Amino acid sequence: MKKICFICLMVLVPFLGYSTTISCINKHWQGTHRTITKGDLSLYEKDGDVMLSSDEVLHGVDVLISTRENSPLKVITSVTVNSEIKLLVEDEIPQEGCYVKISQGEKYVLYFVTRD
């Protein structure tokens, strides 16, 4: 599991030195714990902002962004993901970090996002 998260980190965090870090915490996608495959959702950093995208059109995707104390910061429900969506700009990310849970039905991926 640690190896999968490390690989996920290496793919999602660019080497450009931006101050946003995205760490994958838990995955339950396609019924098993594994990395997100092509065509599924991906969360990544772009110019310090947090972006969500998919290679294929996905309907009914819910996004919950919450603080470490589980207070909701932003809720996006029943969105269709077919291109890049900016979830958070760098200034919206709390200094202590936040959780981003992306779900579609019972499938979900949980990330932790921090500002360095």
PDB file of N, CA and C in Angstrom:
ATOM      1  N   MET A   1       0.823  -1.186   0.000  1.00  0.00           N
ATOM      2  CA  MET A   1       0.000   0.000   0.000  1.00  0.00           C
ATOM      3  C   MET A   1       0.873   1.258   0.000  1.00  0.00           C
ATOM      4  N   LYS A   2       1.949   1.230   0.801  1.00  0.00           N
ATOM      5  CA  LYS A   2       2.842   2.386   0.843  1.00  0.00           C
ATOM      6  C   LYS A   2       3.502   2.614  -0.512  1.00  0.00           C
ATOM      7  N   LYS A   3       3.839   1.514  -1.186  1.00  0.00           N
ATOM      8  CA  LYS A   3       4.477   1.618  -2.499  1.00  0.00           C
ATOM      9  C   LYS A   3       3.521   2.249  -3.506  1.00  0.00           C
ATOM     10  N   ILE A   4       2.232   1.863  -3.444  1.00  0.00           N
ATOM     11  CA  ILE A   4       1.237   2.432  -4.351  1.00  0.00           C
ATOM     12  C   ILE A   4       1.082   3.922  -4.099  1.00  0.00           C
ATOM     13  N   CYS A   5       1.011   4.331  -2.813  1.00  0.00           N
ATOM     14  CA  CYS A   5       0.880   5.758  -2.491  1.00  0.00           C
ATOM     15  C   CYS A   5       2.113   6.537  -2.939  1.00  0.00           C
ATOM     16  N   PHE A   6       3.301   5.942  -2.779  1.00  0.00           N
ATOM     17  CA  PHE A   6       4.516   6.612  -3.210  1.00  0.00           C
ATOM     18  C   PHE A   6       4.517   6.808  -4.721  1.00  0.00           C
ATOM     19  N   ILE A   7       4.117   5.783  -5.461  1.00  0.00           N
ATOM     20  CA  ILE A   7       4.040   5.899  -6.922  1.00  0.00           C
ATOM     21  C   ILE A   7       3.014   6.950  -7.303  1.00  0.00           C
ATOM     22  N   CYS A   8       1.877   6.957  -6.607  1.00  0.00           N
ATOM     23  CA  CYS A   8       0.828   7.947  -6.852  1.00  0.00           C
ATOM     24  C   CYS A   8       1.371   9.356  -6.610  1.00  0.00           C
ATOM     25  N   LEU A   9       2.141   9.526  -5.536  1.00  0.00           N
ATOM     26  CA  LEU A   9       2.747  10.824  -5.241  1.00  0.00           C
ATOM     27  C   LEU A   9       3.701  11.257  -6.344  1.00  0.00           C
ATOM     28  N   MET A  10       4.530  10.342  -6.794  1.00  0.00           N
ATOM     29  CA  MET A  10       5.514  10.679  -7.812  1.00  0.00           C
ATOM     30  C   MET A  10       4.848  11.084  -9.122  1.00  0.00           C
ATOM     31  N   VAL A  11       3.701  10.498  -9.427  1.00  0.00           N
ATOM     32  CA  VAL A  11       2.991  10.823 -10.657  1.00  0.00           C
ATOM     33  C   VAL A  11       2.236  12.135 -10.521  1.00  0.00           C
ATOM     34  N   LEU A  12       1.654  12.373  -9.352  1.00  0.00           N
ATOM     35  CA  LEU A  12       0.773  13.522  -9.189  1.00  0.00           C
ATOM     36  C   LEU A  12       1.482  14.809  -8.800  1.00  0.00           C
ATOM     37  N   VAL A  13       2.633  14.739  -8.179  1.00  0.00           N
ATOM     38  CA  VAL A  13       3.319  15.937  -7.724  1.00  0.00           C
ATOM     39  C   VAL A  13       4.389  16.301  -8.746  1.00  0.00           C
ATOM     40  N   PRO A  14       4.253  17.450  -9.377  1.00  0.00           N
ATOM     41  CA  PRO A  14       5.237  17.829 -10.390  1.00  0.00           C
ATOM     42  C   PRO A  14       6.569  18.229  -9.765  1.00  0.00           C
ATOM     43  N   PHE A  15       7.561  18.273 -10.592  1.00  0.00           N
ATOM     44  CA  PHE A  15       8.899  18.609 -10.137  1.00  0.00           C
ATOM     45  C   PHE A  15       9.208  20.086 -10.323  1.00  0.00           C
ATOM     46  N   LEU A  16       8.195  20.910 -10.530  1.00  0.00           N
ATOM     47  CA  LEU A  16       8.410  22.326 -10.792  1.00  0.00           C
ATOM     48  C   LEU A  16       8.579  23.155  -9.531  1.00  0.00           C
ATOM     49  N   GLY A  17       8.327  22.601  -8.363  1.00  0.00           N
ATOM     50  CA  GLY A  17       8.539  23.314  -7.125  1.00  0.00           C
ATOM     51  C   GLY A  17       7.358  24.124  -6.644  1.00  0.00           C
ATOM     52  N   TYR A  18       6.167  23.863  -7.123  1.00  0.00           N
ATOM     53  CA  TYR A  18       5.000  24.560  -6.598  1.00  0.00           C
ATOM     54  C   TYR A  18       4.763  24.116  -5.168  1.00  0.00           C
ATOM     55  N   SER A  19       4.033  24.909  -4.428  1.00  0.00           N
ATOM     56  CA  SER A  19       3.922  24.675  -3.000  1.00  0.00           C
ATOM     57  C   SER A  19       2.696  23.867  -2.593  1.00  0.00           C
ATOM     58  N   THR A  20       2.054  23.188  -3.515  1.00  0.00           N
ATOM     59  CA  THR A  20       0.903  22.350  -3.192  1.00  0.00           C
ATOM     60  C   THR A  20       1.309  20.887  -3.298  1.00  0.00           C
ATOM     61  N   THR A  21       1.009  20.109  -2.251  1.00  0.00           N
ATOM     62  CA  THR A  21       1.324  18.692  -2.237  1.00  0.00           C
ATOM     63  C   THR A  21       0.034  17.897  -2.129  1.00  0.00           C
ATOM     64  N   ILE A  22      -0.122  16.886  -2.977  1.00  0.00           N
ATOM     65  CA  ILE A  22      -1.309  16.036  -2.980  1.00  0.00           C
ATOM     66  C   ILE A  22      -0.870  14.615  -2.654  1.00  0.00           C
ATOM     67  N   SER A  23      -1.440  14.048  -1.589  1.00  0.00           N
ATOM     68  CA  SER A  23      -1.105  12.691  -1.166  1.00  0.00           C
ATOM     69  C   SER A  23      -2.354  11.829  -1.187  1.00  0.00           C
ATOM     70  N   CYS A  24      -2.265  10.696  -1.830  1.00  0.00           N
ATOM     71  CA  CYS A  24      -3.388   9.764  -1.863  1.00  0.00           C
ATOM     72  C   CYS A  24      -3.396   8.969  -0.558  1.00  0.00           C
ATOM     73  N   ILE A  25      -4.533   8.961   0.140  1.00  0.00           N
ATOM     74  CA  ILE A  25      -4.635   8.292   1.431  1.00  0.00           C
ATOM     75  C   ILE A  25      -5.322   6.941   1.312  1.00  0.00           C
ATOM     76  N   ASN A  26      -6.445   6.890   0.623  1.00  0.00           N
ATOM     77  CA  ASN A  26      -7.228   5.659   0.554  1.00  0.00           C
ATOM     78  C   ASN A  26      -7.946   5.586  -0.782  1.00  0.00           C
ATOM     79  N   LYS A  27      -7.992   4.392  -1.350  1.00  0.00           N
ATOM     80  CA  LYS A  27      -8.667   4.198  -2.633  1.00  0.00           C
ATOM     81  C   LYS A  27      -9.641   3.044  -2.506  1.00  0.00           C
ATOM     82  N   HIS A  28     -10.828   3.215  -2.989  1.00  0.00           N
ATOM     83  CA  HIS A  28     -11.792   2.119  -3.125  1.00  0.00           C
ATOM     84  C   HIS A  28     -12.527   2.400  -4.424  1.00  0.00           C
ATOM     85  N   TRP A  29     -11.879   2.039  -5.521  1.00  0.00           N
ATOM     86  CA  TRP A  29     -12.387   2.355  -6.857  1.00  0.00           C
ATOM     87  C   TRP A  29     -12.452   1.062  -7.638  1.00  0.00           C
ATOM     88  N   GLN A  30     -13.506   0.835  -8.365  1.00  0.00           N
ATOM     89  CA  GLN A  30     -13.718  -0.391  -9.139  1.00  0.00           C
ATOM     90  C   GLN A  30     -13.797  -1.613  -8.224  1.00  0.00           C
ATOM     91  N   GLY A  31     -14.187  -1.424  -6.973  1.00  0.00           N
ATOM     92  CA  GLY A  31     -14.409  -2.545  -6.074  1.00  0.00           C
ATOM     93  C   GLY A  31     -13.179  -3.092  -5.384  1.00  0.00           C
ATOM     94  N   THR A  32     -11.989  -2.612  -5.715  1.00  0.00           N
ATOM     95  CA  THR A  32     -10.785  -3.089  -5.052  1.00  0.00           C
ATOM     96  C   THR A  32      -9.892  -1.910  -4.727  1.00  0.00           C
ATOM     97  N   HIS A  33      -8.955  -2.122  -3.811  1.00  0.00           N
ATOM     98  CA  HIS A  33      -7.986  -1.082  -3.485  1.00  0.00           C
ATOM     99  C   HIS A  33      -6.839  -1.170  -4.485  1.00  0.00           C
ATOM    100  N   ARG A  34      -6.749  -0.193  -5.348  1.00  0.00           N
ATOM    101  CA  ARG A  34      -5.676  -0.160  -6.338  1.00  0.00           C
ATOM    102  C   ARG A  34      -5.555   1.260  -6.878  1.00  0.00           C
ATOM    103  N   THR A  35      -4.577   1.468  -7.710  1.00  0.00           N
ATOM    104  CA  THR A  35      -4.396   2.796  -8.267  1.00  0.00           C
ATOM    105  C   THR A  35      -5.506   3.104  -9.256  1.00  0.00           C
ATOM    106  N   ILE A  36      -5.750   4.371  -9.470  1.00  0.00           N
ATOM    107  CA  ILE A  36      -6.770   4.786 -10.422  1.00  0.00           C
ATOM    108  C   ILE A  36      -6.252   4.489 -11.820  1.00  0.00           C
ATOM    109  N   THR A  37      -7.070   3.865 -12.634  1.00  0.00           N
ATOM    110  CA  THR A  37      -6.652   3.498 -13.977  1.00  0.00           C
ATOM    111  C   THR A  37      -7.052   4.573 -14.975  1.00  0.00           C
ATOM    112  N   LYS A  38      -6.516   4.476 -16.174  1.00  0.00           N
ATOM    113  CA  LYS A  38      -6.848   5.409 -17.244  1.00  0.00           C
ATOM    114  C   LYS A  38      -8.353   5.407 -17.469  1.00  0.00           C
ATOM    115  N   GLY A  39      -8.900   6.563 -17.656  1.00  0.00           N
ATOM    116  CA  GLY A  39     -10.336   6.688 -17.845  1.00  0.00           C
ATOM    117  C   GLY A  39     -11.045   7.043 -16.563  1.00  0.00           C
ATOM    118  N   ASP A  40     -10.407   6.837 -15.440  1.00  0.00           N
ATOM    119  CA  ASP A  40     -10.992   7.191 -14.164  1.00  0.00           C
ATOM    120  C   ASP A  40     -10.496   8.569 -13.735  1.00  0.00           C
ATOM    121  N   LEU A  41     -10.918   8.978 -12.572  1.00  0.00           N
ATOM    122  CA  LEU A  41     -10.576  10.305 -12.072  1.00  0.00           C
ATOM    123  C   LEU A  41      -9.112  10.429 -11.704  1.00  0.00           C
ATOM    124  N   SER A  42      -8.582  11.637 -11.840  1.00  0.00           N
ATOM    125  CA  SER A  42      -7.250  11.931 -11.334  1.00  0.00           C
ATOM    126  C   SER A  42      -7.266  13.316 -10.710  1.00  0.00           C
ATOM    127  N   LEU A  43      -6.582  13.448  -9.602  1.00  0.00           N
ATOM    128  CA  LEU A  43      -6.449  14.710  -8.885  1.00  0.00           C
ATOM    129  C   LEU A  43      -4.981  15.079  -8.922  1.00  0.00           C
ATOM    130  N   TYR A  44      -4.677  16.305  -9.310  1.00  0.00           N
ATOM    131  CA  TYR A  44      -3.286  16.698  -9.449  1.00  0.00           C
ATOM    132  C   TYR A  44      -3.141  18.196  -9.222  1.00  0.00           C
ATOM    133  N   GLU A  45      -1.892  18.618  -9.096  1.00  0.00           N
ATOM    134  CA  GLU A  45      -1.549  20.022  -8.879  1.00  0.00           C
ATOM    135  C   GLU A  45      -1.134  20.637 -10.203  1.00  0.00           C
ATOM    136  N   LYS A  46      -1.626  21.838 -10.471  1.00  0.00           N
ATOM    137  CA  LYS A  46      -1.248  22.563 -11.681  1.00  0.00           C
ATOM    138  C   LYS A  46      -1.092  24.029 -11.305  1.00  0.00           C
ATOM    139  N   ASP A  47       0.116  24.524 -11.384  1.00  0.00           N
ATOM    140  CA  ASP A  47       0.435  25.910 -11.033  1.00  0.00           C
ATOM    141  C   ASP A  47      -0.012  26.258  -9.616  1.00  0.00           C
ATOM    142  N   GLY A  48       0.081  25.302  -8.687  1.00  0.00           N
ATOM    143  CA  GLY A  48      -0.294  25.533  -7.300  1.00  0.00           C
ATOM    144  C   GLY A  48      -1.754  25.270  -6.994  1.00  0.00           C
ATOM    145  N   ASP A  49      -2.589  25.123  -8.015  1.00  0.00           N
ATOM    146  CA  ASP A  49      -4.016  24.858  -7.823  1.00  0.00           C
ATOM    147  C   ASP A  49      -4.280  23.355  -7.866  1.00  0.00           C
ATOM    148  N   VAL A  50      -5.410  22.937  -7.303  1.00  0.00           N
ATOM    149  CA  VAL A  50      -5.789  21.527  -7.290  1.00  0.00           C
ATOM    150  C   VAL A  50      -6.816  21.299  -8.392  1.00  0.00           C
ATOM    151  N   MET A  51      -6.495  20.391  -9.309  1.00  0.00           N
ATOM    152  CA  MET A  51      -7.321  20.129 -10.485  1.00  0.00           C
ATOM    153  C   MET A  51      -7.856  18.698 -10.442  1.00  0.00           C
ATOM    154  N   LEU A  52      -9.043  18.520 -11.011  1.00  0.00           N
ATOM    155  CA  LEU A  52      -9.666  17.207 -11.156  1.00  0.00           C
ATOM    156  C   LEU A  52      -9.938  16.990 -12.635  1.00  0.00           C
ATOM    157  N   SER A  53      -9.613  15.805 -13.142  1.00  0.00           N
ATOM    158  CA  SER A  53      -9.896  15.520 -14.548  1.00  0.00           C
ATOM    159  C   SER A  53     -10.148  14.032 -14.738  1.00  0.00           C
ATOM    160  N   SER A  54     -10.602  13.695 -15.933  1.00  0.00           N
ATOM    161  CA  SER A  54     -10.854  12.310 -16.301  1.00  0.00           C
ATOM    162  C   SER A  54     -10.619  12.164 -17.798  1.00  0.00           C
ATOM    163  N   ASP A  55     -10.122  11.000 -18.196  1.00  0.00           N
ATOM    164  CA  ASP A  55      -9.923  10.719 -19.615  1.00  0.00           C
ATOM    165  C   ASP A  55     -11.239  10.402 -20.308  1.00  0.00           C
ATOM    166  N   GLU A  56     -12.200   9.907 -19.559  1.00  0.00           N
ATOM    167  CA  GLU A  56     -13.523   9.593 -20.091  1.00  0.00           C
ATOM    168  C   GLU A  56     -14.561  10.426 -19.350  1.00  0.00           C
ATOM    169  N   VAL A  57     -15.738  10.572 -19.929  1.00  0.00           N
ATOM    170  CA  VAL A  57     -16.813  11.320 -19.280  1.00  0.00           C
ATOM    171  C   VAL A  57     -17.362  10.483 -18.130  1.00  0.00           C
ATOM    172  N   LEU A  58     -17.372  11.062 -16.927  1.00  0.00           N
ATOM    173  CA  LEU A  58     -17.922  10.407 -15.745  1.00  0.00           C
ATOM    174  C   LEU A  58     -19.058  11.262 -15.207  1.00  0.00           C
ATOM    175  N   HIS A  59     -20.220  10.652 -14.994  1.00  0.00           N
ATOM    176  CA  HIS A  59     -21.398  11.366 -14.514  1.00  0.00           C
ATOM    177  C   HIS A  59     -21.624  11.062 -13.037  1.00  0.00           C
ATOM    178  N   GLY A  60     -22.252  11.991 -12.343  1.00  0.00           N
ATOM    179  CA  GLY A  60     -22.633  11.770 -10.952  1.00  0.00           C
ATOM    180  C   GLY A  60     -21.475  11.697  -9.985  1.00  0.00           C
ATOM    181  N   VAL A  61     -20.449  12.494 -10.218  1.00  0.00           N
ATOM    182  CA  VAL A  61     -19.280  12.515  -9.342  1.00  0.00           C
ATOM    183  C   VAL A  61     -19.512  13.553  -8.246  1.00  0.00           C
ATOM    184  N   ASP A  62     -19.259  13.160  -7.001  1.00  0.00           N
ATOM    185  CA  ASP A  62     -19.378  14.064  -5.858  1.00  0.00           C
ATOM    186  C   ASP A  62     -17.992  14.348  -5.309  1.00  0.00           C
ATOM    187  N   VAL A  63     -17.770  15.604  -4.901  1.00  0.00           N
ATOM    188  CA  VAL A  63     -16.493  16.006  -4.317  1.00  0.00           C
ATOM    189  C   VAL A  63     -16.777  16.688  -2.987  1.00  0.00           C
ATOM    190  N   LEU A  64     -16.124  16.215  -1.929  1.00  0.00           N
ATOM    191  CA  LEU A  64     -16.228  16.831  -0.613  1.00  0.00           C
ATOM    192  C   LEU A  64     -14.835  17.258  -0.192  1.00  0.00           C
ATOM    193  N   ILE A  65     -14.673  18.539   0.062  1.00  0.00           N
ATOM    194  CA  ILE A  65     -13.402  19.076   0.537  1.00  0.00           C
ATOM    195  C   ILE A  65     -13.631  19.523   1.970  1.00  0.00           C
ATOM    196  N   SER A  66     -12.837  18.971   2.901  1.00  0.00           N
ATOM    197  CA  SER A  66     -13.041  19.275   4.316  1.00  0.00           C
ATOM    198  C   SER A  66     -11.711  19.504   5.018  1.00  0.00           C
ATOM    199  N   THR A  67     -11.785  20.161   6.177  1.00  0.00           N
ATOM    200  CA  THR A  67     -10.593  20.425   6.981  1.00  0.00           C
ATOM    201  C   THR A  67     -10.171  19.151   7.697  1.00  0.00           C
ATOM    202  N   ARG A  68      -9.069  19.230   8.414  1.00  0.00           N
ATOM    203  CA  ARG A  68      -8.599  18.085   9.200  1.00  0.00           C
ATOM    204  C   ARG A  68      -9.596  17.709  10.289  1.00  0.00           C
ATOM    205  N   GLU A  69     -10.402  18.677  10.717  1.00  0.00           N
ATOM    206  CA  GLU A  69     -11.413  18.438  11.756  1.00  0.00           C
ATOM    207  C   GLU A  69     -12.746  18.018  11.143  1.00  0.00           C
ATOM    208  N   ASN A  70     -12.766  17.708   9.855  1.00  0.00           N
ATOM    209  CA  ASN A  70     -13.956  17.279   9.106  1.00  0.00           C
ATOM    210  C   ASN A  70     -15.031  18.348   8.975  1.00  0.00           C
ATOM    211  N   SER A  71     -14.655  19.618   9.018  1.00  0.00           N
ATOM    212  CA  SER A  71     -15.590  20.696   8.703  1.00  0.00           C
ATOM    213  C   SER A  71     -15.562  20.912   7.192  1.00  0.00           C
ATOM    214  N   PRO A  72     -16.728  20.876   6.532  1.00  0.00           N
ATOM    215  CA  PRO A  72     -16.733  21.027   5.072  1.00  0.00           C
ATOM    216  C   PRO A  72     -16.271  22.415   4.624  1.00  0.00           C
ATOM    217  N   LEU A  73     -15.389  22.441   3.641  1.00  0.00           N
ATOM    218  CA  LEU A  73     -14.951  23.693   3.021  1.00  0.00           C
ATOM    219  C   LEU A  73     -15.706  23.941   1.725  1.00  0.00           C
ATOM    220  N   LYS A  74     -15.891  22.870   0.954  1.00  0.00           N
ATOM    221  CA  LYS A  74     -16.556  22.976  -0.342  1.00  0.00           C
ATOM    222  C   LYS A  74     -17.191  21.628  -0.670  1.00  0.00           C
ATOM    223  N   VAL A  75     -18.424  21.680  -1.184  1.00  0.00           N
ATOM    224  CA  VAL A  75     -19.129  20.468  -1.591  1.00  0.00           C
ATOM    225  C   VAL A  75     -19.600  20.660  -3.026  1.00  0.00           C
ATOM    226  N   ILE A  76     -19.261  19.705  -3.880  1.00  0.00           N
ATOM    227  CA  ILE A  76     -19.698  19.723  -5.274  1.00  0.00           C
ATOM    228  C   ILE A  76     -20.423  18.403  -5.505  1.00  0.00           C
ATOM    229  N   THR A  77     -21.705  18.472  -5.907  1.00  0.00           N
ATOM    230  CA  THR A  77     -22.477  17.237  -6.060  1.00  0.00           C
ATOM    231  C   THR A  77     -22.912  17.026  -7.503  1.00  0.00           C
ATOM    232  N   SER A  78     -22.968  15.771  -7.874  1.00  0.00           N
ATOM    233  CA  SER A  78     -23.476  15.313  -9.178  1.00  0.00           C
ATOM    234  C   SER A  78     -22.887  16.070 -10.361  1.00  0.00           C
ATOM    235  N   VAL A  79     -21.581  16.239 -10.351  1.00  0.00           N
ATOM    236  CA  VAL A  79     -20.906  16.928 -11.444  1.00  0.00           C
ATOM    237  C   VAL A  79     -20.521  15.906 -12.516  1.00  0.00           C
ATOM    238  N   THR A  80     -20.495  16.348 -13.755  1.00  0.00           N
ATOM    239  CA  THR A  80     -20.000  15.532 -14.856  1.00  0.00           C
ATOM    240  C   THR A  80     -18.564  15.954 -15.131  1.00  0.00           C
ATOM    241  N   VAL A  81     -17.658  15.004 -15.062  1.00  0.00           N
ATOM    242  CA  VAL A  81     -16.244  15.293 -15.284  1.00  0.00           C
ATOM    243  C   VAL A  81     -15.890  14.835 -16.690  1.00  0.00           C
ATOM    244  N   ASN A  82     -15.600  15.800 -17.560  1.00  0.00           N
ATOM    245  CA  ASN A  82     -15.178  15.461 -18.919  1.00  0.00           C
ATOM    246  C   ASN A  82     -13.987  16.300 -19.361  1.00  0.00           C
ATOM    247  N   SER A  83     -13.512  17.149 -18.483  1.00  0.00           N
ATOM    248  CA  SER A  83     -12.326  17.957 -18.746  1.00  0.00           C
ATOM    249  C   SER A  83     -11.767  18.390 -17.399  1.00  0.00           C
ATOM    250  N   GLU A  84     -10.787  19.271 -17.409  1.00  0.00           N
ATOM    251  CA  GLU A  84     -10.211  19.757 -16.157  1.00  0.00           C
ATOM    252  C   GLU A  84     -11.214  20.611 -15.389  1.00  0.00           C
ATOM    253  N   ILE A  85     -11.273  20.384 -14.093  1.00  0.00           N
ATOM    254  CA  ILE A  85     -12.081  21.204 -13.198  1.00  0.00           C
ATOM    255  C   ILE A  85     -11.159  21.696 -12.093  1.00  0.00           C
ATOM    256  N   LYS A  86     -11.144  22.995 -11.866  1.00  0.00           N
ATOM    257  CA  LYS A  86     -10.335  23.549 -10.789  1.00  0.00           C
ATOM    258  C   LYS A  86     -11.132  23.438  -9.497  1.00  0.00           C
ATOM    259  N   LEU A  87     -10.654  22.593  -8.576  1.00  0.00           N
ATOM    260  CA  LEU A  87     -11.347  22.401  -7.305  1.00  0.00           C
ATOM    261  C   LEU A  87     -10.965  23.460  -6.285  1.00  0.00           C
ATOM    262  N   LEU A  88      -9.677  23.747  -6.185  1.00  0.00           N
ATOM    263  CA  LEU A  88      -9.178  24.718  -5.214  1.00  0.00           C
ATOM    264  C   LEU A  88      -8.060  25.538  -5.830  1.00  0.00           C
ATOM    265  N   VAL A  89      -8.080  26.832  -5.580  1.00  0.00           N
ATOM    266  CA  VAL A  89      -6.916  27.642  -5.914  1.00  0.00           C
ATOM    267  C   VAL A  89      -5.985  27.585  -4.710  1.00  0.00           C
ATOM    268  N   GLU A  90      -4.741  27.888  -4.916  1.00  0.00           N
ATOM    269  CA  GLU A  90      -3.733  27.729  -3.870  1.00  0.00           C
ATOM    270  C   GLU A  90      -4.098  28.475  -2.589  1.00  0.00           C
ATOM    271  N   ASP A  91      -4.691  29.658  -2.703  1.00  0.00           N
ATOM    272  CA  ASP A  91      -5.035  30.452  -1.520  1.00  0.00           C
ATOM    273  C   ASP A  91      -6.181  29.854  -0.713  1.00  0.00           C
ATOM    274  N   GLU A  92      -6.990  28.973  -1.303  1.00  0.00           N
ATOM    275  CA  GLU A  92      -8.111  28.344  -0.594  1.00  0.00           C
ATOM    276  C   GLU A  92      -7.681  27.151   0.256  1.00  0.00           C
ATOM    277  N   ILE A  93      -6.483  26.651   0.038  1.00  0.00           N
ATOM    278  CA  ILE A  93      -6.007  25.481   0.773  1.00  0.00           C
ATOM    279  C   ILE A  93      -5.575  25.927   2.166  1.00  0.00           C
ATOM    280  N   PRO A  94      -6.181  25.368   3.223  1.00  0.00           N
ATOM    281  CA  PRO A  94      -5.781  25.752   4.580  1.00  0.00           C
ATOM    282  C   PRO A  94      -4.322  25.394   4.847  1.00  0.00           C
ATOM    283  N   GLN A  95      -3.667  26.169   5.687  1.00  0.00           N
ATOM    284  CA  GLN A  95      -2.260  25.930   6.005  1.00  0.00           C
ATOM    285  C   GLN A  95      -2.055  24.540   6.612  1.00  0.00           C
ATOM    286  N   GLU A  96      -3.033  24.075   7.407  1.00  0.00           N
ATOM    287  CA  GLU A  96      -2.919  22.752   8.024  1.00  0.00           C
ATOM    288  C   GLU A  96      -3.310  21.623   7.076  1.00  0.00           C
ATOM    289  N   GLY A  97      -3.781  21.961   5.875  1.00  0.00           N
ATOM    290  CA  GLY A  97      -4.147  20.965   4.879  1.00  0.00           C
ATOM    291  C   GLY A  97      -5.634  20.664   4.883  1.00  0.00           C
ATOM    292  N   CYS A  98      -6.074  19.899   3.896  1.00  0.00           N
ATOM    293  CA  CYS A  98      -7.486  19.523   3.807  1.00  0.00           C
ATOM    294  C   CYS A  98      -7.611  18.174   3.107  1.00  0.00           C
ATOM    295  N   TYR A  99      -8.754  17.534   3.337  1.00  0.00           N
ATOM    296  CA  TYR A  99      -9.073  16.270   2.696  1.00  0.00           C
ATOM    297  C   TYR A  99      -9.931  16.529   1.470  1.00  0.00           C
ATOM    298  N   VAL A 100      -9.705  15.759   0.414  1.00  0.00           N
ATOM    299  CA  VAL A 100     -10.537  15.811  -0.787  1.00  0.00           C
ATOM    300  C   VAL A 100     -11.025  14.389  -1.045  1.00  0.00           C
ATOM    301  N   LYS A 101     -12.340  14.197  -0.915  1.00  0.00           N
ATOM    302  CA  LYS A 101     -12.938  12.883  -1.174  1.00  0.00           C
ATOM    303  C   LYS A 101     -13.726  12.979  -2.469  1.00  0.00           C
ATOM    304  N   ILE A 102     -13.346  12.163  -3.437  1.00  0.00           N
ATOM    305  CA  ILE A 102     -14.008  12.116  -4.735  1.00  0.00           C
ATOM    306  C   ILE A 102     -14.752  10.789  -4.789  1.00  0.00           C
ATOM    307  N   SER A 103     -16.054  10.844  -5.025  1.00  0.00           N
ATOM    308  CA  SER A 103     -16.828   9.604  -5.010  1.00  0.00           C
ATOM    309  C   SER A 103     -17.815   9.552  -6.167  1.00  0.00           C
ATOM    310  N   GLN A 104     -18.160   8.331  -6.510  1.00  0.00           N
ATOM    311  CA  GLN A 104     -19.184   8.055  -7.515  1.00  0.00           C
ATOM    312  C   GLN A 104     -19.880   6.782  -7.040  1.00  0.00           C
ATOM    313  N   GLY A 105     -21.047   6.963  -6.403  1.00  0.00           N
ATOM    314  CA  GLY A 105     -21.710   5.825  -5.777  1.00  0.00           C
ATOM    315  C   GLY A 105     -20.893   5.349  -4.592  1.00  0.00           C
ATOM    316  N   GLU A 106     -20.582   4.050  -4.557  1.00  0.00           N
ATOM    317  CA  GLU A 106     -19.780   3.494  -3.464  1.00  0.00           C
ATOM    318  C   GLU A 106     -18.281   3.593  -3.722  1.00  0.00           C
ATOM    319  N   LYS A 107     -17.888   3.972  -4.923  1.00  0.00           N
ATOM    320  CA  LYS A 107     -16.471   4.099  -5.262  1.00  0.00           C
ATOM    321  C   LYS A 107     -15.969   5.452  -4.770  1.00  0.00           C
ATOM    322  N   TYR A 108     -14.781   5.482  -4.201  1.00  0.00           N
ATOM    323  CA  TYR A 108     -14.232   6.756  -3.753  1.00  0.00           C
ATOM    324  C   TYR A 108     -12.706   6.717  -3.742  1.00  0.00           C
ATOM    325  N   VAL A 109     -12.140   7.904  -3.735  1.00  0.00           N
ATOM    326  CA  VAL A 109     -10.705   8.091  -3.552  1.00  0.00           C
ATOM    327  C   VAL A 109     -10.554   9.241  -2.574  1.00  0.00           C
ATOM    328  N   LEU A 110      -9.687   9.083  -1.577  1.00  0.00           N
ATOM    329  CA  LEU A 110      -9.468  10.110  -0.566  1.00  0.00           C
ATOM    330  C   LEU A 110      -8.045  10.629  -0.674  1.00  0.00           C
ATOM    331  N   TYR A 111      -7.912  11.942  -0.754  1.00  0.00           N
ATOM    332  CA  TYR A 111      -6.606  12.595  -0.851  1.00  0.00           C
ATOM    333  C   TYR A 111      -6.435  13.557   0.309  1.00  0.00           C
ATOM    334  N   PHE A 112      -5.179  13.852   0.631  1.00  0.00           N
ATOM    335  CA  PHE A 112      -4.859  14.912   1.578  1.00  0.00           C
ATOM    336  C   PHE A 112      -4.019  15.935   0.833  1.00  0.00           C
ATOM    337  N   VAL A 113      -4.432  17.193   0.892  1.00  0.00           N
ATOM    338  CA  VAL A 113      -3.776  18.270   0.153  1.00  0.00           C
ATOM    339  C   VAL A 113      -3.189  19.255   1.152  1.00  0.00           C
ATOM    340  N   THR A 114      -1.922  19.606   0.981  1.00  0.00           N
ATOM    341  CA  THR A 114      -1.282  20.584   1.861  1.00  0.00           C
ATOM    342  C   THR A 114      -0.629  21.682   1.046  1.00  0.00           C
ATOM    343  N   ARG A 115      -0.449  22.791   1.711  1.00  0.00           N
ATOM    344  CA  ARG A 115       0.278  23.921   1.147  1.00  0.00           C
ATOM    345  C   ARG A 115       1.593  24.016   1.889  1.00  0.00           C
ATOM    346  N   ASP A 116       2.692  23.933   1.184  1.00  0.00           N
ATOM    347  CA  ASP A 116       4.018  23.954   1.825  1.00  0.00           C
ATOM    348  C   ASP A 116       4.473  25.359   2.137  1.00  0.00           C
TER     349      ASP A 116
END
